[in-house]
Amino acid sequence: MPIAIEIQPFEPSDAAYAALAAIGASTPPQYALDYEFRDADDWRAFDDSCAELRRPLRRYLAVEPGGAIVGYAYWFDV
């Protein structure tokens, strides 16, 4: 039976940033991009810098029915 994953807009919270960091930490370093962080504070700092520079940032989360965040996607202007 397929799992119903829901795509949700990112809402900043400690749990959401921790999930981003856990996913980022699971990515082997050789495959991580410049903006794939392994620490929640780095994600927050990135978001803060985008806001400070008034650069658009959109992030979405893939959420399992039980609420576990299992993936993310984002778009930002560089």
PDB file of N, CA and C in Angstrom:
ATOM      1  N   MET A   1       0.844  -1.179   0.000  1.00  0.00           N
ATOM      2  CA  MET A   1       0.000   0.000   0.000  1.00  0.00           C
ATOM      3  C   MET A   1       0.891   1.244   0.000  1.00  0.00           C
ATOM      4  N   PRO A   2       0.643   2.171  -0.911  1.00  0.00           N
ATOM      5  CA  PRO A   2       1.466   3.382  -0.967  1.00  0.00           C
ATOM      6  C   PRO A   2       1.248   4.266   0.263  1.00  0.00           C
ATOM      7  N   ILE A   3       2.291   4.970   0.614  1.00  0.00           N
ATOM      8  CA  ILE A   3       2.209   5.928   1.717  1.00  0.00           C
ATOM      9  C   ILE A   3       1.758   7.264   1.139  1.00  0.00           C
ATOM     10  N   ALA A   4       0.803   7.879   1.779  1.00  0.00           N
ATOM     11  CA  ALA A   4       0.306   9.181   1.329  1.00  0.00           C
ATOM     12  C   ALA A   4       1.176  10.276   1.935  1.00  0.00           C
ATOM     13  N   ILE A   5       2.049  10.817   1.137  1.00  0.00           N
ATOM     14  CA  ILE A   5       2.903  11.917   1.580  1.00  0.00           C
ATOM     15  C   ILE A   5       2.200  13.221   1.227  1.00  0.00           C
ATOM     16  N   GLU A   6       2.158  14.119   2.181  1.00  0.00           N
ATOM     17  CA  GLU A   6       1.538  15.425   1.950  1.00  0.00           C
ATOM     18  C   GLU A   6       2.638  16.472   1.822  1.00  0.00           C
ATOM     19  N   ILE A   7       2.504  17.349   0.847  1.00  0.00           N
ATOM     20  CA  ILE A   7       3.439  18.457   0.677  1.00  0.00           C
ATOM     21  C   ILE A   7       2.839  19.668   1.381  1.00  0.00           C
ATOM     22  N   GLN A   8       3.617  20.225   2.307  1.00  0.00           N
ATOM     23  CA  GLN A   8       3.138  21.356   3.102  1.00  0.00           C
ATOM     24  C   GLN A   8       4.134  22.501   3.023  1.00  0.00           C
ATOM     25  N   PRO A   9       3.650  23.729   3.095  1.00  0.00           N
ATOM     26  CA  PRO A   9       4.580  24.858   3.186  1.00  0.00           C
ATOM     27  C   PRO A   9       5.364  24.773   4.497  1.00  0.00           C
ATOM     28  N   PHE A  10       6.592  25.188   4.453  1.00  0.00           N
ATOM     29  CA  PHE A  10       7.436  25.195   5.644  1.00  0.00           C
ATOM     30  C   PHE A  10       6.945  26.259   6.612  1.00  0.00           C
ATOM     31  N   GLU A  11       6.775  25.857   7.853  1.00  0.00           N
ATOM     32  CA  GLU A  11       6.453  26.782   8.939  1.00  0.00           C
ATOM     33  C   GLU A  11       7.590  26.676   9.951  1.00  0.00           C
ATOM     34  N   PRO A  12       8.335  27.763  10.169  1.00  0.00           N
ATOM     35  CA  PRO A  12       9.485  27.690  11.077  1.00  0.00           C
ATOM     36  C   PRO A  12       9.090  27.236  12.481  1.00  0.00           C
ATOM     37  N   SER A  13       9.796  26.239  12.971  1.00  0.00           N
ATOM     38  CA  SER A  13       9.636  25.753  14.345  1.00  0.00           C
ATOM     39  C   SER A  13      10.893  24.967  14.688  1.00  0.00           C
ATOM     40  N   ASP A  14      11.112  24.750  15.967  1.00  0.00           N
ATOM     41  CA  ASP A  14      12.274  23.953  16.369  1.00  0.00           C
ATOM     42  C   ASP A  14      12.218  22.565  15.739  1.00  0.00           C
ATOM     43  N   ALA A  15      11.030  21.961  15.734  1.00  0.00           N
ATOM     44  CA  ALA A  15      10.884  20.608  15.178  1.00  0.00           C
ATOM     45  C   ALA A  15      11.155  20.594  13.674  1.00  0.00           C
ATOM     46  N   ALA A  16      10.661  21.601  12.964  1.00  0.00           N
ATOM     47  CA  ALA A  16      10.866  21.647  11.514  1.00  0.00           C
ATOM     48  C   ALA A  16      12.347  21.836  11.187  1.00  0.00           C
ATOM     49  N   TYR A  17      13.019  22.732  11.902  1.00  0.00           N
ATOM     50  CA  TYR A  17      14.451  22.929  11.653  1.00  0.00           C
ATOM     51  C   TYR A  17      15.253  21.690  12.037  1.00  0.00           C
ATOM     52  N   ALA A  18      14.859  21.015  13.107  1.00  0.00           N
ATOM     53  CA  ALA A  18      15.548  19.776  13.497  1.00  0.00           C
ATOM     54  C   ALA A  18      15.382  18.709  12.419  1.00  0.00           C
ATOM     55  N   ALA A  19      14.199  18.634  11.825  1.00  0.00           N
ATOM     56  CA  ALA A  19      13.968  17.656  10.755  1.00  0.00           C
ATOM     57  C   ALA A  19      14.821  17.983   9.529  1.00  0.00           C
ATOM     58  N   LEU A  20      14.900  19.257   9.171  1.00  0.00           N
ATOM     59  CA  LEU A  20      15.758  19.651   8.046  1.00  0.00           C
ATOM     60  C   LEU A  20      17.203  19.245   8.317  1.00  0.00           C
ATOM     61  N   ALA A  21      17.664  19.498   9.537  1.00  0.00           N
ATOM     62  CA  ALA A  21      19.043  19.162   9.893  1.00  0.00           C
ATOM     63  C   ALA A  21      19.273  17.653   9.839  1.00  0.00           C
ATOM     64  N   ALA A  22      18.308  16.880  10.308  1.00  0.00           N
ATOM     65  CA  ALA A  22      18.455  15.417  10.283  1.00  0.00           C
ATOM     66  C   ALA A  22      18.522  14.905   8.849  1.00  0.00           C
ATOM     67  N   ILE A  23      17.692  15.456   7.988  1.00  0.00           N
ATOM     68  CA  ILE A  23      17.730  15.051   6.581  1.00  0.00           C
ATOM     69  C   ILE A  23      19.056  15.481   5.958  1.00  0.00           C
ATOM     70  N   GLY A  24      19.466  16.706   6.235  1.00  0.00           N
ATOM     71  CA  GLY A  24      20.746  17.186   5.711  1.00  0.00           C
ATOM     72  C   GLY A  24      21.916  16.349   6.191  1.00  0.00           C
ATOM     73  N   ALA A  25      21.881  15.946   7.451  1.00  0.00           N
ATOM     74  CA  ALA A  25      22.967  15.137   8.015  1.00  0.00           C
ATOM     75  C   ALA A  25      22.999  13.734   7.418  1.00  0.00           C
ATOM     76  N   SER A  26      21.874  13.290   6.875  1.00  0.00           N
ATOM     77  CA  SER A  26      21.839  11.951   6.279  1.00  0.00           C
ATOM     78  C   SER A  26      22.382  11.939   4.848  1.00  0.00           C
ATOM     79  N   THR A  27      22.601  13.115   4.289  1.00  0.00           N
ATOM     80  CA  THR A  27      23.132  13.216   2.929  1.00  0.00           C
ATOM     81  C   THR A  27      24.649  13.078   2.962  1.00  0.00           C
ATOM     82  N   PRO A  28      25.211  12.128   2.228  1.00  0.00           N
ATOM     83  CA  PRO A  28      26.673  12.016   2.203  1.00  0.00           C
ATOM     84  C   PRO A  28      27.298  13.338   1.741  1.00  0.00           C
ATOM     85  N   PRO A  29      28.355  13.771   2.404  1.00  0.00           N
ATOM     86  CA  PRO A  29      28.950  15.079   2.090  1.00  0.00           C
ATOM     87  C   PRO A  29      29.254  15.295   0.608  1.00  0.00           C
ATOM     88  N   GLN A  30      29.655  14.253  -0.093  1.00  0.00           N
ATOM     89  CA  GLN A  30      30.001  14.428  -1.508  1.00  0.00           C
ATOM     90  C   GLN A  30      28.774  14.728  -2.372  1.00  0.00           C
ATOM     91  N   TYR A  31      27.577  14.503  -1.842  1.00  0.00           N
ATOM     92  CA  TYR A  31      26.350  14.777  -2.591  1.00  0.00           C
ATOM     93  C   TYR A  31      25.613  16.013  -2.090  1.00  0.00           C
ATOM     94  N   ALA A  32      26.054  16.571  -0.995  1.00  0.00           N
ATOM     95  CA  ALA A  32      25.380  17.737  -0.421  1.00  0.00           C
ATOM     96  C   ALA A  32      25.702  18.986  -1.246  1.00  0.00           C
ATOM     97  N   LEU A  33      24.709  19.808  -1.423  1.00  0.00           N
ATOM     98  CA  LEU A  33      24.891  21.077  -2.117  1.00  0.00           C
ATOM     99  C   LEU A  33      25.325  22.148  -1.119  1.00  0.00           C
ATOM    100  N   ASP A  34      25.667  23.314  -1.616  1.00  0.00           N
ATOM    101  CA  ASP A  34      26.126  24.398  -0.740  1.00  0.00           C
ATOM    102  C   ASP A  34      25.094  24.791   0.309  1.00  0.00           C
ATOM    103  N   TYR A  35      23.836  24.593   0.000  1.00  0.00           N
ATOM    104  CA  TYR A  35      22.776  25.027   0.906  1.00  0.00           C
ATOM    105  C   TYR A  35      22.055  23.847   1.536  1.00  0.00           C
ATOM    106  N   GLU A  36      22.760  22.768   1.754  1.00  0.00           N
ATOM    107  CA  GLU A  36      22.230  21.594   2.455  1.00  0.00           C
ATOM    108  C   GLU A  36      22.952  21.542   3.797  1.00  0.00           C
ATOM    109  N   PHE A  37      22.258  21.919   4.838  1.00  0.00           N
ATOM    110  CA  PHE A  37      22.912  22.060   6.135  1.00  0.00           C
ATOM    111  C   PHE A  37      22.665  20.852   7.022  1.00  0.00           C
ATOM    112  N   ARG A  38      23.616  20.607   7.907  1.00  0.00           N
ATOM    113  CA  ARG A  38      23.556  19.475   8.823  1.00  0.00           C
ATOM    114  C   ARG A  38      23.181  19.915  10.238  1.00  0.00           C
ATOM    115  N   ASP A  39      22.955  21.206  10.409  1.00  0.00           N
ATOM    116  CA  ASP A  39      22.681  21.757  11.733  1.00  0.00           C
ATOM    117  C   ASP A  39      21.489  22.720  11.647  1.00  0.00           C
ATOM    118  N   ALA A  40      20.579  22.612  12.595  1.00  0.00           N
ATOM    119  CA  ALA A  40      19.375  23.453  12.584  1.00  0.00           C
ATOM    120  C   ALA A  40      19.721  24.941  12.633  1.00  0.00           C
ATOM    121  N   ASP A  41      20.745  25.304  13.389  1.00  0.00           N
ATOM    122  CA  ASP A  41      21.124  26.722  13.472  1.00  0.00           C
ATOM    123  C   ASP A  41      21.595  27.260  12.126  1.00  0.00           C
ATOM    124  N   ASP A  42      22.239  26.416  11.326  1.00  0.00           N
ATOM    125  CA  ASP A  42      22.664  26.847   9.991  1.00  0.00           C
ATOM    126  C   ASP A  42      21.455  27.097   9.088  1.00  0.00           C
ATOM    127  N   TRP A  43      20.426  26.240   9.207  1.00  0.00           N
ATOM    128  CA  TRP A  43      19.193  26.471   8.441  1.00  0.00           C
ATOM    129  C   TRP A  43      18.552  27.797   8.858  1.00  0.00           C
ATOM    130  N   ARG A  44      18.490  28.038  10.162  1.00  0.00           N
ATOM    131  CA  ARG A  44      17.898  29.293  10.651  1.00  0.00           C
ATOM    132  C   ARG A  44      18.693  30.496  10.147  1.00  0.00           C
ATOM    133  N   ALA A  45      20.011  30.401  10.214  1.00  0.00           N
ATOM    134  CA  ALA A  45      20.860  31.505   9.765  1.00  0.00           C
ATOM    135  C   ALA A  45      20.660  31.772   8.273  1.00  0.00           C
ATOM    136  N   PHE A  46      20.525  30.713   7.490  1.00  0.00           N
ATOM    137  CA  PHE A  46      20.277  30.880   6.057  1.00  0.00           C
ATOM    138  C   PHE A  46      18.945  31.595   5.834  1.00  0.00           C
ATOM    139  N   ASP A  47      17.910  31.145   6.535  1.00  0.00           N
ATOM    140  CA  ASP A  47      16.594  31.778   6.406  1.00  0.00           C
ATOM    141  C   ASP A  47      16.664  33.247   6.825  1.00  0.00           C
ATOM    142  N   ASP A  48      17.356  33.513   7.921  1.00  0.00           N
ATOM    143  CA  ASP A  48      17.495  34.895   8.393  1.00  0.00           C
ATOM    144  C   ASP A  48      18.231  35.760   7.374  1.00  0.00           C
ATOM    145  N   SER A  49      19.268  35.202   6.754  1.00  0.00           N
ATOM    146  CA  SER A  49      20.022  35.990   5.775  1.00  0.00           C
ATOM    147  C   SER A  49      19.176  36.287   4.542  1.00  0.00           C
ATOM    148  N   CYS A  50      18.364  35.325   4.120  1.00  0.00           N
ATOM    149  CA  CYS A  50      17.462  35.581   2.986  1.00  0.00           C
ATOM    150  C   CYS A  50      16.468  36.686   3.338  1.00  0.00           C
ATOM    151  N   ALA A  51      15.926  36.625   4.539  1.00  0.00           N
ATOM    152  CA  ALA A  51      14.964  37.643   4.972  1.00  0.00           C
ATOM    153  C   ALA A  51      15.637  39.010   5.071  1.00  0.00           C
ATOM    154  N   GLU A  52      16.838  39.033   5.630  1.00  0.00           N
ATOM    155  CA  GLU A  52      17.564  40.297   5.786  1.00  0.00           C
ATOM    156  C   GLU A  52      17.874  40.929   4.431  1.00  0.00           C
ATOM    157  N   LEU A  53      18.227  40.092   3.463  1.00  0.00           N
ATOM    158  CA  LEU A  53      18.549  40.590   2.123  1.00  0.00           C
ATOM    159  C   LEU A  53      17.308  40.773   1.252  1.00  0.00           C
ATOM    160  N   ARG A  54      16.155  40.427   1.818  1.00  0.00           N
ATOM    161  CA  ARG A  54      14.874  40.519   1.116  1.00  0.00           C
ATOM    162  C   ARG A  54      14.871  39.677  -0.158  1.00  0.00           C
ATOM    163  N   ARG A  55      15.471  38.497  -0.046  1.00  0.00           N
ATOM    164  CA  ARG A  55      15.485  37.551  -1.163  1.00  0.00           C
ATOM    165  C   ARG A  55      14.392  36.516  -0.943  1.00  0.00           C
ATOM    166  N   PRO A  56      13.635  36.228  -1.975  1.00  0.00           N
ATOM    167  CA  PRO A  56      12.565  35.245  -1.823  1.00  0.00           C
ATOM    168  C   PRO A  56      13.114  33.868  -1.455  1.00  0.00           C
ATOM    169  N   LEU A  57      12.432  33.205  -0.566  1.00  0.00           N
ATOM    170  CA  LEU A  57      12.766  31.835  -0.177  1.00  0.00           C
ATOM    171  C   LEU A  57      11.453  31.095   0.020  1.00  0.00           C
ATOM    172  N   ARG A  58      11.303  30.001  -0.670  1.00  0.00           N
ATOM    173  CA  ARG A  58      10.128  29.141  -0.512  1.00  0.00           C
ATOM    174  C   ARG A  58      10.627  27.746  -0.178  1.00  0.00           C
ATOM    175  N   ARG A  59      10.065  27.165   0.863  1.00  0.00           N
ATOM    176  CA  ARG A  59      10.461  25.805   1.250  1.00  0.00           C
ATOM    177  C   ARG A  59       9.189  25.011   1.522  1.00  0.00           C
ATOM    178  N   TYR A  60       9.235  23.771   1.115  1.00  0.00           N
ATOM    179  CA  TYR A  60       8.108  22.862   1.316  1.00  0.00           C
ATOM    180  C   TYR A  60       8.617  21.596   1.976  1.00  0.00           C
ATOM    181  N   LEU A  61       7.752  20.979   2.748  1.00  0.00           N
ATOM    182  CA  LEU A  61       8.102  19.751   3.452  1.00  0.00           C
ATOM    183  C   LEU A  61       7.253  18.598   2.950  1.00  0.00           C
ATOM    184  N   ALA A  62       7.852  17.432   2.879  1.00  0.00           N
ATOM    185  CA  ALA A  62       7.126  16.191   2.603  1.00  0.00           C
ATOM    186  C   ALA A  62       6.848  15.556   3.961  1.00  0.00           C
ATOM    187  N   VAL A  63       5.566  15.380   4.269  1.00  0.00           N
ATOM    188  CA  VAL A  63       5.160  14.942   5.603  1.00  0.00           C
ATOM    189  C   VAL A  63       4.338  13.658   5.501  1.00  0.00           C
ATOM    190  N   GLU A  64       4.741  12.661   6.285  1.00  0.00           N
ATOM    191  CA  GLU A  64       3.989  11.407   6.342  1.00  0.00           C
ATOM    192  C   GLU A  64       2.706  11.608   7.147  1.00  0.00           C
ATOM    193  N   PRO A  65       1.739  10.695   6.997  1.00  0.00           N
ATOM    194  CA  PRO A  65       0.477  10.830   7.722  1.00  0.00           C
ATOM    195  C   PRO A  65       0.635  10.997   9.239  1.00  0.00           C
ATOM    196  N   GLY A  66       1.638  10.389   9.837  1.00  0.00           N
ATOM    197  CA  GLY A  66       1.852  10.530  11.276  1.00  0.00           C
ATOM    198  C   GLY A  66       2.524  11.829  11.680  1.00  0.00           C
ATOM    199  N   GLY A  67       2.898  12.647  10.689  1.00  0.00           N
ATOM    200  CA  GLY A  67       3.505  13.941  10.979  1.00  0.00           C
ATOM    201  C   GLY A  67       5.013  13.994  10.813  1.00  0.00           C
ATOM    202  N   ALA A  68       5.648  12.857  10.518  1.00  0.00           N
ATOM    203  CA  ALA A  68       7.103  12.853  10.344  1.00  0.00           C
ATOM    204  C   ALA A  68       7.485  13.578   9.054  1.00  0.00           C
ATOM    205  N   ILE A  69       8.445  14.472   9.170  1.00  0.00           N
ATOM    206  CA  ILE A  69       8.971  15.185   8.003  1.00  0.00           C
ATOM    207  C   ILE A  69      10.035  14.296   7.377  1.00  0.00           C
ATOM    208  N   VAL A  70       9.819  13.924   6.123  1.00  0.00           N
ATOM    209  CA  VAL A  70      10.708  12.956   5.475  1.00  0.00           C
ATOM    210  C   VAL A  70      11.442  13.529   4.266  1.00  0.00           C
ATOM    211  N   GLY A  71      11.182  14.773   3.937  1.00  0.00           N
ATOM    212  CA  GLY A  71      11.868  15.387   2.808  1.00  0.00           C
ATOM    213  C   GLY A  71      11.538  16.861   2.727  1.00  0.00           C
ATOM    214  N   TYR A  72      12.266  17.553   1.883  1.00  0.00           N
ATOM    215  CA  TYR A  72      12.008  18.976   1.689  1.00  0.00           C
ATOM    216  C   TYR A  72      12.436  19.378   0.288  1.00  0.00           C
ATOM    217  N   ALA A  73      11.924  20.496  -0.127  1.00  0.00           N
ATOM    218  CA  ALA A  73      12.338  21.132  -1.374  1.00  0.00           C
ATOM    219  C   ALA A  73      12.300  22.629  -1.117  1.00  0.00           C
ATOM    220  N   TYR A  74      13.134  23.351  -1.817  1.00  0.00           N
ATOM    221  CA  TYR A  74      13.117  24.794  -1.630  1.00  0.00           C
ATOM    222  C   TYR A  74      13.541  25.497  -2.898  1.00  0.00           C
ATOM    223  N   TRP A  75      13.218  26.752  -2.933  1.00  0.00           N
ATOM    224  CA  TRP A  75      13.568  27.634  -4.034  1.00  0.00           C
ATOM    225  C   TRP A  75      13.972  28.957  -3.427  1.00  0.00           C
ATOM    226  N   PHE A  76      15.049  29.520  -3.926  1.00  0.00           N
ATOM    227  CA  PHE A  76      15.453  30.851  -3.479  1.00  0.00           C
ATOM    228  C   PHE A  76      16.202  31.545  -4.595  1.00  0.00           C
ATOM    229  N   ASP A  77      16.234  32.845  -4.511  1.00  0.00           N
ATOM    230  CA  ASP A  77      16.891  33.678  -5.506  1.00  0.00           C
ATOM    231  C   ASP A  77      18.334  33.914  -5.069  1.00  0.00           C
ATOM    232  N   VAL A  78      19.274  33.656  -5.970  1.00  0.00           N
ATOM    233  CA  VAL A  78      20.684  33.899  -5.639  1.00  0.00           C
ATOM    234  C   VAL A  78      21.210  35.106  -6.370  1.00  0.00           C
TER     235      VAL A  78
END
